Amino acid sequence: MNNNNENKDSEKSEKRRAEIEEIKEMGSVSAFDGKHKIYCLTIIGEIEGHNVLPEQNKTTKYEHVIPQLVAVEESREIEGLLVILNTVGGDVEAGLAIAELISGMKKPTVSLVLGGGHSIGVPLAVSAKRSFIAPSATMTVHPVRTTGLVIGVPQVMNHFARMQARITDFVVRNSKITQQRFTELMMNTNELVTDVGTVLSGEKAVDEGLIDGIGTLSTVIDSLYELIENK
């Protein structure tokens, strides 16, 4: 009897260590102690793509996130995905790739923007089946841009325009905002001092149809549970 209890305690300790390691390494965790079994994925800092960012930058690596999403979709235990965002943007192609994967999942997905969901964080926020934003959070909508040396030829400008069209199309398909209104917000010259674009408060993001609703952690979890039960 004592051996059985010791084995159970050992298994619980090992499970707990694995959960802590998962949080430390991936910024994610499987929550199996609630009403439904959900997976929490955090996308924070800057989205790191093909280029490795400096060590002092807080990053989300797309080569870590993509396998996690595939594992969640294929898992027989996990019933839904909660995506928590606080990102300044980052690699456009990497961010859009993650957003496409989330939007294509069959399992219930809900997103929550905390702090900020800027730049490529906008497609990531709307990629879930339901999206929420904290009252104090903001979202910055602006065109595709780059830093460093750029060859000033028409082909480069066309490349940026095509990439922006892909992002706009994705956002419009996955939210309630129109293409015309999203473009207006993106090309606004009256708000940002050194850039074009618009900063949306949580309430304004909902009013514009970009995000589904204002929410807190409990709101988001309840919404995810509802999607799971309706499914």
C-alpha atoms as a PDB file:
ATOM      1  CA  MET A   1       0.000   0.000   0.000  1.00  0.00           C
ATOM      2  CA  ASN A   2       2.797   2.389   0.923  1.00  0.00           C
ATOM      3  CA  ASN A   3       4.607   1.544  -2.307  1.00  0.00           C
ATOM      4  CA  ASN A   4       1.504   2.437  -4.327  1.00  0.00           C
ATOM      5  CA  ASN A   5       1.209   5.790  -2.572  1.00  0.00           C
ATOM      6  CA  GLU A   6       4.890   6.481  -3.123  1.00  0.00           C
ATOM      7  CA  ASN A   7       4.553   5.631  -6.804  1.00  0.00           C
ATOM      8  CA  LYS A   8       1.562   7.971  -7.177  1.00  0.00           C
ATOM      9  CA  ASP A   9       3.418  10.786  -5.406  1.00  0.00           C
ATOM     10  CA  SER A  10       6.426  10.192  -7.619  1.00  0.00           C
ATOM     11  CA  GLU A  11       4.265  10.321 -10.764  1.00  0.00           C
ATOM     12  CA  LYS A  12       2.624  13.566  -9.618  1.00  0.00           C
ATOM     13  CA  SER A  13       6.018  15.142  -8.896  1.00  0.00           C
ATOM     14  CA  GLU A  14       7.354  14.063 -12.271  1.00  0.00           C
ATOM     15  CA  LYS A  15       4.282  15.439 -14.022  1.00  0.00           C
ATOM     16  CA  ARG A  16       4.626  18.728 -12.182  1.00  0.00           C
ATOM     17  CA  ARG A  17       8.309  19.005 -13.127  1.00  0.00           C
ATOM     18  CA  ALA A  18       7.421  18.347 -16.770  1.00  0.00           C
ATOM     19  CA  GLU A  19       4.750  21.093 -16.682  1.00  0.00           C
ATOM     20  CA  ILE A  20       7.187  23.595 -15.162  1.00  0.00           C
ATOM     21  CA  GLU A  21       9.797  22.720 -17.787  1.00  0.00           C
ATOM     22  CA  GLU A  22       7.211  23.170 -20.535  1.00  0.00           C
ATOM     23  CA  ILE A  23       6.379  26.650 -19.253  1.00  0.00           C
ATOM     24  CA  LYS A  24      10.061  27.613 -18.962  1.00  0.00           C
ATOM     25  CA  GLU A  25      11.091  26.320 -22.376  1.00  0.00           C
ATOM     26  CA  MET A  26       8.035  26.949 -24.563  1.00  0.00           C
ATOM     27  CA  GLY A  27       5.884  29.454 -22.671  1.00  0.00           C
ATOM     28  CA  SER A  28       2.969  27.041 -22.906  1.00  0.00           C
ATOM     29  CA  VAL A  29       1.124  24.600 -20.684  1.00  0.00           C
ATOM     30  CA  SER A  30      -1.501  21.863 -20.907  1.00  0.00           C
ATOM     31  CA  ALA A  31      -4.308  22.580 -18.403  1.00  0.00           C
ATOM     32  CA  PHE A  32      -6.058  19.324 -17.616  1.00  0.00           C
ATOM     33  CA  ASP A  33      -7.470  20.104 -14.160  1.00  0.00           C
ATOM     34  CA  GLY A  34     -10.434  22.218 -15.276  1.00  0.00           C
ATOM     35  CA  LYS A  35     -13.803  21.456 -16.798  1.00  0.00           C
ATOM     36  CA  HIS A  36     -12.193  20.694 -20.169  1.00  0.00           C
ATOM     37  CA  LYS A  37      -8.661  19.874 -21.219  1.00  0.00           C
ATOM     38  CA  ILE A  38      -7.158  22.926 -22.934  1.00  0.00           C
ATOM     39  CA  TYR A  39      -3.727  23.987 -24.138  1.00  0.00           C
ATOM     40  CA  CYS A  40      -2.448  27.506 -23.411  1.00  0.00           C
ATOM     41  CA  LEU A  41      -0.023  28.981 -25.955  1.00  0.00           C
ATOM     42  CA  THR A  42       1.634  32.347 -25.276  1.00  0.00           C
ATOM     43  CA  ILE A  43       2.957  34.536 -28.084  1.00  0.00           C
ATOM     44  CA  ILE A  44       5.031  37.295 -26.506  1.00  0.00           C
ATOM     45  CA  GLY A  45       7.756  39.758 -27.377  1.00  0.00           C
ATOM     46  CA  GLU A  46       8.897  39.697 -30.988  1.00  0.00           C
ATOM     47  CA  ILE A  47       8.073  36.968 -33.498  1.00  0.00           C
ATOM     48  CA  GLU A  48      11.384  35.444 -34.543  1.00  0.00           C
ATOM     49  CA  GLY A  49      11.508  34.116 -38.088  1.00  0.00           C
ATOM     50  CA  HIS A  50      14.411  33.099 -40.297  1.00  0.00           C
ATOM     51  CA  ASN A  51      16.876  35.427 -38.577  1.00  0.00           C
ATOM     52  CA  VAL A  52      18.000  34.916 -34.973  1.00  0.00           C
ATOM     53  CA  LEU A  53      17.389  38.019 -32.840  1.00  0.00           C
ATOM     54  CA  PRO A  54      19.780  39.294 -30.140  1.00  0.00           C
ATOM     55  CA  GLU A  55      19.768  37.422 -26.830  1.00  0.00           C
ATOM     56  CA  GLN A  56      18.365  40.390 -24.888  1.00  0.00           C
ATOM     57  CA  ASN A  57      15.196  40.379 -27.022  1.00  0.00           C
ATOM     58  CA  LYS A  58      12.172  38.529 -25.675  1.00  0.00           C
ATOM     59  CA  THR A  59      11.067  36.376 -28.616  1.00  0.00           C
ATOM     60  CA  THR A  60       8.588  33.762 -29.768  1.00  0.00           C
ATOM     61  CA  LYS A  61      10.286  31.349 -32.167  1.00  0.00           C
ATOM     62  CA  TYR A  62       8.075  30.109 -34.971  1.00  0.00           C
ATOM     63  CA  GLU A  63       9.932  26.802 -35.203  1.00  0.00           C
ATOM     64  CA  HIS A  64       8.790  26.137 -31.626  1.00  0.00           C
ATOM     65  CA  VAL A  65       5.181  27.234 -32.120  1.00  0.00           C
ATOM     66  CA  ILE A  66       4.413  25.338 -35.337  1.00  0.00           C
ATOM     67  CA  PRO A  67       5.070  21.829 -33.922  1.00  0.00           C
ATOM     68  CA  GLN A  68       3.042  22.730 -30.820  1.00  0.00           C
ATOM     69  CA  LEU A  69       0.046  23.644 -32.972  1.00  0.00           C
ATOM     70  CA  VAL A  70       0.301  20.408 -34.931  1.00  0.00           C
ATOM     71  CA  ALA A  71       0.527  18.419 -31.679  1.00  0.00           C
ATOM     72  CA  VAL A  72      -2.542  20.202 -30.250  1.00  0.00           C
ATOM     73  CA  GLU A  73      -4.586  19.520 -33.383  1.00  0.00           C
ATOM     74  CA  GLU A  74      -3.625  15.830 -33.380  1.00  0.00           C
ATOM     75  CA  SER A  75      -3.953  15.253 -29.637  1.00  0.00           C
ATOM     76  CA  ARG A  76      -6.828  13.030 -28.483  1.00  0.00           C
ATOM     77  CA  GLU A  77      -6.753  14.607 -25.026  1.00  0.00           C
ATOM     78  CA  ILE A  78      -6.621  18.330 -25.732  1.00  0.00           C
ATOM     79  CA  GLU A  79     -10.078  19.773 -26.469  1.00  0.00           C
ATOM     80  CA  GLY A  80      -9.308  23.423 -27.181  1.00  0.00           C
ATOM     81  CA  LEU A  81      -6.564  26.015 -27.653  1.00  0.00           C
ATOM     82  CA  LEU A  82      -6.174  29.291 -25.753  1.00  0.00           C
ATOM     83  CA  VAL A  83      -3.771  31.790 -27.373  1.00  0.00           C
ATOM     84  CA  ILE A  84      -2.547  34.668 -25.197  1.00  0.00           C
ATOM     85  CA  LEU A  85      -0.823  37.509 -27.048  1.00  0.00           C
ATOM     86  CA  ASN A  86       1.398  40.354 -25.943  1.00  0.00           C
ATOM     87  CA  THR A  87       3.579  41.042 -28.955  1.00  0.00           C
ATOM     88  CA  VAL A  88       5.230  43.987 -30.690  1.00  0.00           C
ATOM     89  CA  GLY A  89       5.119  42.161 -34.034  1.00  0.00           C
ATOM     90  CA  GLY A  90       8.188  40.821 -35.777  1.00  0.00           C
ATOM     91  CA  ASP A  91       8.870  38.617 -38.791  1.00  0.00           C
ATOM     92  CA  VAL A  92       5.877  39.054 -41.100  1.00  0.00           C
ATOM     93  CA  GLU A  93       6.038  35.720 -42.920  1.00  0.00           C
ATOM     94  CA  ALA A  94       6.623  33.738 -39.714  1.00  0.00           C
ATOM     95  CA  GLY A  95       3.752  35.491 -37.928  1.00  0.00           C
ATOM     96  CA  LEU A  96       1.390  34.989 -40.852  1.00  0.00           C
ATOM     97  CA  ALA A  97       2.370  31.309 -41.061  1.00  0.00           C
ATOM     98  CA  ILE A  98       1.441  30.802 -37.401  1.00  0.00           C
ATOM     99  CA  ALA A  99      -1.827  32.701 -37.910  1.00  0.00           C
ATOM    100  CA  GLU A 100      -2.739  30.525 -40.915  1.00  0.00           C
ATOM    101  CA  LEU A 101      -2.172  27.362 -38.880  1.00  0.00           C
ATOM    102  CA  ILE A 102      -4.360  28.571 -36.016  1.00  0.00           C
ATOM    103  CA  SER A 103      -7.168  29.662 -38.356  1.00  0.00           C
ATOM    104  CA  GLY A 104      -7.110  26.258 -40.060  1.00  0.00           C
ATOM    105  CA  MET A 105      -7.493  24.208 -36.871  1.00  0.00           C
ATOM    106  CA  LYS A 106     -10.655  22.145 -36.390  1.00  0.00           C
ATOM    107  CA  LYS A 107     -10.433  22.343 -32.613  1.00  0.00           C
ATOM    108  CA  PRO A 108     -12.008  25.306 -30.781  1.00  0.00           C
ATOM    109  CA  THR A 109      -9.610  28.252 -30.505  1.00  0.00           C
ATOM    110  CA  VAL A 110      -9.878  31.516 -28.573  1.00  0.00           C
ATOM    111  CA  SER A 111      -7.373  34.381 -28.387  1.00  0.00           C
ATOM    112  CA  LEU A 112      -6.805  37.082 -25.782  1.00  0.00           C
ATOM    113  CA  VAL A 113      -4.716  40.211 -26.411  1.00  0.00           C
ATOM    114  CA  LEU A 114      -2.971  41.436 -23.268  1.00  0.00           C
ATOM    115  CA  GLY A 115      -0.827  44.552 -23.304  1.00  0.00           C
ATOM    116  CA  GLY A 116      -0.462  44.745 -27.066  1.00  0.00           C
ATOM    117  CA  GLY A 117      -1.118  42.942 -30.314  1.00  0.00           C
ATOM    118  CA  HIS A 118       0.812  45.118 -32.730  1.00  0.00           C
ATOM    119  CA  SER A 119       1.741  44.758 -36.402  1.00  0.00           C
ATOM    120  CA  ILE A 120       1.735  41.040 -37.328  1.00  0.00           C
ATOM    121  CA  GLY A 121       0.109  40.484 -33.932  1.00  0.00           C
ATOM    122  CA  VAL A 122      -3.151  41.669 -35.531  1.00  0.00           C
ATOM    123  CA  PRO A 123      -3.508  38.608 -37.841  1.00  0.00           C
ATOM    124  CA  LEU A 124      -2.475  36.379 -34.935  1.00  0.00           C
ATOM    125  CA  ALA A 125      -5.204  37.862 -32.730  1.00  0.00           C
ATOM    126  CA  VAL A 126      -7.981  37.392 -35.298  1.00  0.00           C
ATOM    127  CA  SER A 127      -6.852  33.896 -36.348  1.00  0.00           C
ATOM    128  CA  ALA A 128      -8.768  32.200 -33.514  1.00  0.00           C
ATOM    129  CA  LYS A 129     -12.448  31.322 -33.868  1.00  0.00           C
ATOM    130  CA  ARG A 130     -13.195  33.903 -31.165  1.00  0.00           C
ATOM    131  CA  SER A 131     -10.994  36.844 -30.227  1.00  0.00           C
ATOM    132  CA  PHE A 132     -10.921  38.987 -27.100  1.00  0.00           C
ATOM    133  CA  ILE A 133      -8.869  41.945 -25.905  1.00  0.00           C
ATOM    134  CA  ALA A 134      -8.238  43.242 -22.390  1.00  0.00           C
ATOM    135  CA  PRO A 135      -9.696  46.720 -21.681  1.00  0.00           C
ATOM    136  CA  SER A 136      -6.182  48.140 -21.131  1.00  0.00           C
ATOM    137  CA  ALA A 137      -4.613  46.533 -24.213  1.00  0.00           C
ATOM    138  CA  THR A 138      -3.944  48.191 -27.560  1.00  0.00           C
ATOM    139  CA  MET A 139      -3.396  47.107 -31.159  1.00  0.00           C
ATOM    140  CA  THR A 140      -1.318  48.973 -33.727  1.00  0.00           C
ATOM    141  CA  VAL A 141      -2.304  48.653 -37.376  1.00  0.00           C
ATOM    142  CA  HIS A 142       0.325  49.765 -39.893  1.00  0.00           C
ATOM    143  CA  PRO A 143       1.678  48.750 -43.322  1.00  0.00           C
ATOM    144  CA  VAL A 144       4.475  46.244 -43.904  1.00  0.00           C
ATOM    145  CA  ARG A 145       7.859  47.877 -43.389  1.00  0.00           C
ATOM    146  CA  THR A 146      11.493  46.899 -43.024  1.00  0.00           C
ATOM    147  CA  THR A 147      14.723  48.231 -41.556  1.00  0.00           C
ATOM    148  CA  GLY A 148      18.191  48.316 -43.053  1.00  0.00           C
ATOM    149  CA  LEU A 149      19.352  48.644 -46.642  1.00  0.00           C
ATOM    150  CA  VAL A 150      16.618  48.394 -49.282  1.00  0.00           C
ATOM    151  CA  ILE A 151      17.215  48.466 -53.033  1.00  0.00           C
ATOM    152  CA  GLY A 152      14.916  51.196 -54.305  1.00  0.00           C
ATOM    153  CA  VAL A 153      13.499  49.499 -57.362  1.00  0.00           C
ATOM    154  CA  PRO A 154       9.857  48.896 -58.358  1.00  0.00           C
ATOM    155  CA  GLN A 155      10.180  45.154 -57.761  1.00  0.00           C
ATOM    156  CA  VAL A 156      10.850  45.699 -54.037  1.00  0.00           C
ATOM    157  CA  MET A 157       7.842  47.994 -53.691  1.00  0.00           C
ATOM    158  CA  ASN A 158       5.678  45.444 -55.522  1.00  0.00           C
ATOM    159  CA  HIS A 159       6.894  42.728 -53.147  1.00  0.00           C
ATOM    160  CA  PHE A 160       5.866  44.812 -50.120  1.00  0.00           C
ATOM    161  CA  ALA A 161       2.496  45.576 -51.725  1.00  0.00           C
ATOM    162  CA  ARG A 162       1.786  41.884 -52.394  1.00  0.00           C
ATOM    163  CA  MET A 163       2.789  40.937 -48.853  1.00  0.00           C
ATOM    164  CA  GLN A 164       0.533  43.646 -47.431  1.00  0.00           C
ATOM    165  CA  ALA A 165      -2.338  42.384 -49.594  1.00  0.00           C
ATOM    166  CA  ARG A 166      -1.891  38.885 -48.113  1.00  0.00           C
ATOM    167  CA  ILE A 167      -2.066  40.268 -44.573  1.00  0.00           C
ATOM    168  CA  THR A 168      -5.084  42.480 -45.306  1.00  0.00           C
ATOM    169  CA  ASP A 169      -6.930  39.598 -46.958  1.00  0.00           C
ATOM    170  CA  PHE A 170      -6.268  37.333 -43.957  1.00  0.00           C
ATOM    171  CA  VAL A 171      -7.472  39.910 -41.426  1.00  0.00           C
ATOM    172  CA  VAL A 172     -10.627  40.655 -43.413  1.00  0.00           C
ATOM    173  CA  ARG A 173     -11.413  36.935 -43.798  1.00  0.00           C
ATOM    174  CA  ASN A 174     -11.008  36.277 -40.085  1.00  0.00           C
ATOM    175  CA  SER A 175     -12.686  39.336 -38.570  1.00  0.00           C
ATOM    176  CA  LYS A 176     -15.649  41.642 -39.137  1.00  0.00           C
ATOM    177  CA  ILE A 177     -13.683  44.626 -40.438  1.00  0.00           C
ATOM    178  CA  THR A 178     -13.936  45.590 -44.115  1.00  0.00           C
ATOM    179  CA  GLN A 179     -10.952  45.823 -46.436  1.00  0.00           C
ATOM    180  CA  GLN A 180     -11.577  49.532 -47.022  1.00  0.00           C
ATOM    181  CA  ARG A 181     -11.713  50.353 -43.304  1.00  0.00           C
ATOM    182  CA  PHE A 182      -8.649  48.261 -42.482  1.00  0.00           C
ATOM    183  CA  THR A 183      -6.689  50.037 -45.216  1.00  0.00           C
ATOM    184  CA  GLU A 184      -7.832  53.425 -43.886  1.00  0.00           C
ATOM    185  CA  LEU A 185      -6.600  52.572 -40.389  1.00  0.00           C
ATOM    186  CA  MET A 186      -3.357  51.201 -41.781  1.00  0.00           C
ATOM    187  CA  MET A 187      -2.571  54.273 -43.905  1.00  0.00           C
ATOM    188  CA  ASN A 188      -3.665  56.897 -41.356  1.00  0.00           C
ATOM    189  CA  THR A 189      -1.127  59.762 -41.229  1.00  0.00           C
ATOM    190  CA  ASN A 190      -2.675  61.763 -38.391  1.00  0.00           C
ATOM    191  CA  GLU A 191      -1.946  59.624 -35.334  1.00  0.00           C
ATOM    192  CA  LEU A 192       1.611  58.238 -35.161  1.00  0.00           C
ATOM    193  CA  VAL A 193       4.342  60.854 -35.043  1.00  0.00           C
ATOM    194  CA  THR A 194       7.034  59.047 -37.052  1.00  0.00           C
ATOM    195  CA  ASP A 195       4.938  56.454 -38.860  1.00  0.00           C
ATOM    196  CA  VAL A 196       1.643  55.802 -40.615  1.00  0.00           C
ATOM    197  CA  GLY A 197      -1.021  53.685 -38.957  1.00  0.00           C
ATOM    198  CA  THR A 198      -3.486  53.657 -36.072  1.00  0.00           C
ATOM    199  CA  VAL A 199      -3.319  52.631 -32.420  1.00  0.00           C
ATOM    200  CA  LEU A 200      -6.588  51.039 -31.333  1.00  0.00           C
ATOM    201  CA  SER A 201      -7.625  50.748 -27.698  1.00  0.00           C
ATOM    202  CA  GLY A 202      -9.397  47.560 -26.642  1.00  0.00           C
ATOM    203  CA  GLU A 203     -12.845  49.102 -26.959  1.00  0.00           C
ATOM    204  CA  LYS A 204     -12.007  50.731 -30.301  1.00  0.00           C
ATOM    205  CA  ALA A 205     -10.685  47.427 -31.710  1.00  0.00           C
ATOM    206  CA  VAL A 206     -14.058  45.850 -30.889  1.00  0.00           C
ATOM    207  CA  ASP A 207     -16.018  48.806 -32.330  1.00  0.00           C
ATOM    208  CA  GLU A 208     -14.057  48.529 -35.594  1.00  0.00           C
ATOM    209  CA  GLY A 209     -14.941  44.835 -35.876  1.00  0.00           C
ATOM    210  CA  LEU A 210     -11.329  43.737 -35.616  1.00  0.00           C
ATOM    211  CA  ILE A 211     -11.821  41.873 -32.306  1.00  0.00           C
ATOM    212  CA  ASP A 212     -14.985  40.079 -31.157  1.00  0.00           C
ATOM    213  CA  GLY A 213     -15.169  41.418 -27.612  1.00  0.00           C
ATOM    214  CA  ILE A 214     -13.630  42.855 -24.472  1.00  0.00           C
ATOM    215  CA  GLY A 215     -12.596  40.086 -22.112  1.00  0.00           C
ATOM    216  CA  THR A 216     -10.631  38.872 -19.135  1.00  0.00           C
ATOM    217  CA  LEU A 217      -9.039  35.479 -18.523  1.00  0.00           C
ATOM    218  CA  SER A 218     -12.255  34.056 -17.048  1.00  0.00           C
ATOM    219  CA  THR A 219     -14.285  35.402 -19.980  1.00  0.00           C
ATOM    220  CA  VAL A 220     -11.960  33.776 -22.469  1.00  0.00           C
ATOM    221  CA  ILE A 221     -11.923  30.401 -20.721  1.00  0.00           C
ATOM    222  CA  ASP A 222     -15.725  30.403 -20.464  1.00  0.00           C
ATOM    223  CA  SER A 223     -15.939  31.183 -24.175  1.00  0.00           C
ATOM    224  CA  LEU A 224     -13.533  28.361 -25.030  1.00  0.00           C
ATOM    225  CA  TYR A 225     -15.536  25.943 -22.877  1.00  0.00           C
ATOM    226  CA  GLU A 226     -18.687  27.014 -24.714  1.00  0.00           C
ATOM    227  CA  LEU A 227     -17.100  26.318 -28.106  1.00  0.00           C
ATOM    228  CA  ILE A 228     -15.909  22.918 -26.893  1.00  0.00           C
ATOM    229  CA  GLU A 229     -19.367  21.986 -25.617  1.00  0.00           C
ATOM    230  CA  ASN A 230     -21.130  23.208 -28.764  1.00  0.00           C
ATOM    231  CA  LYS A 231     -18.738  21.185 -30.889  1.00  0.00           C
END
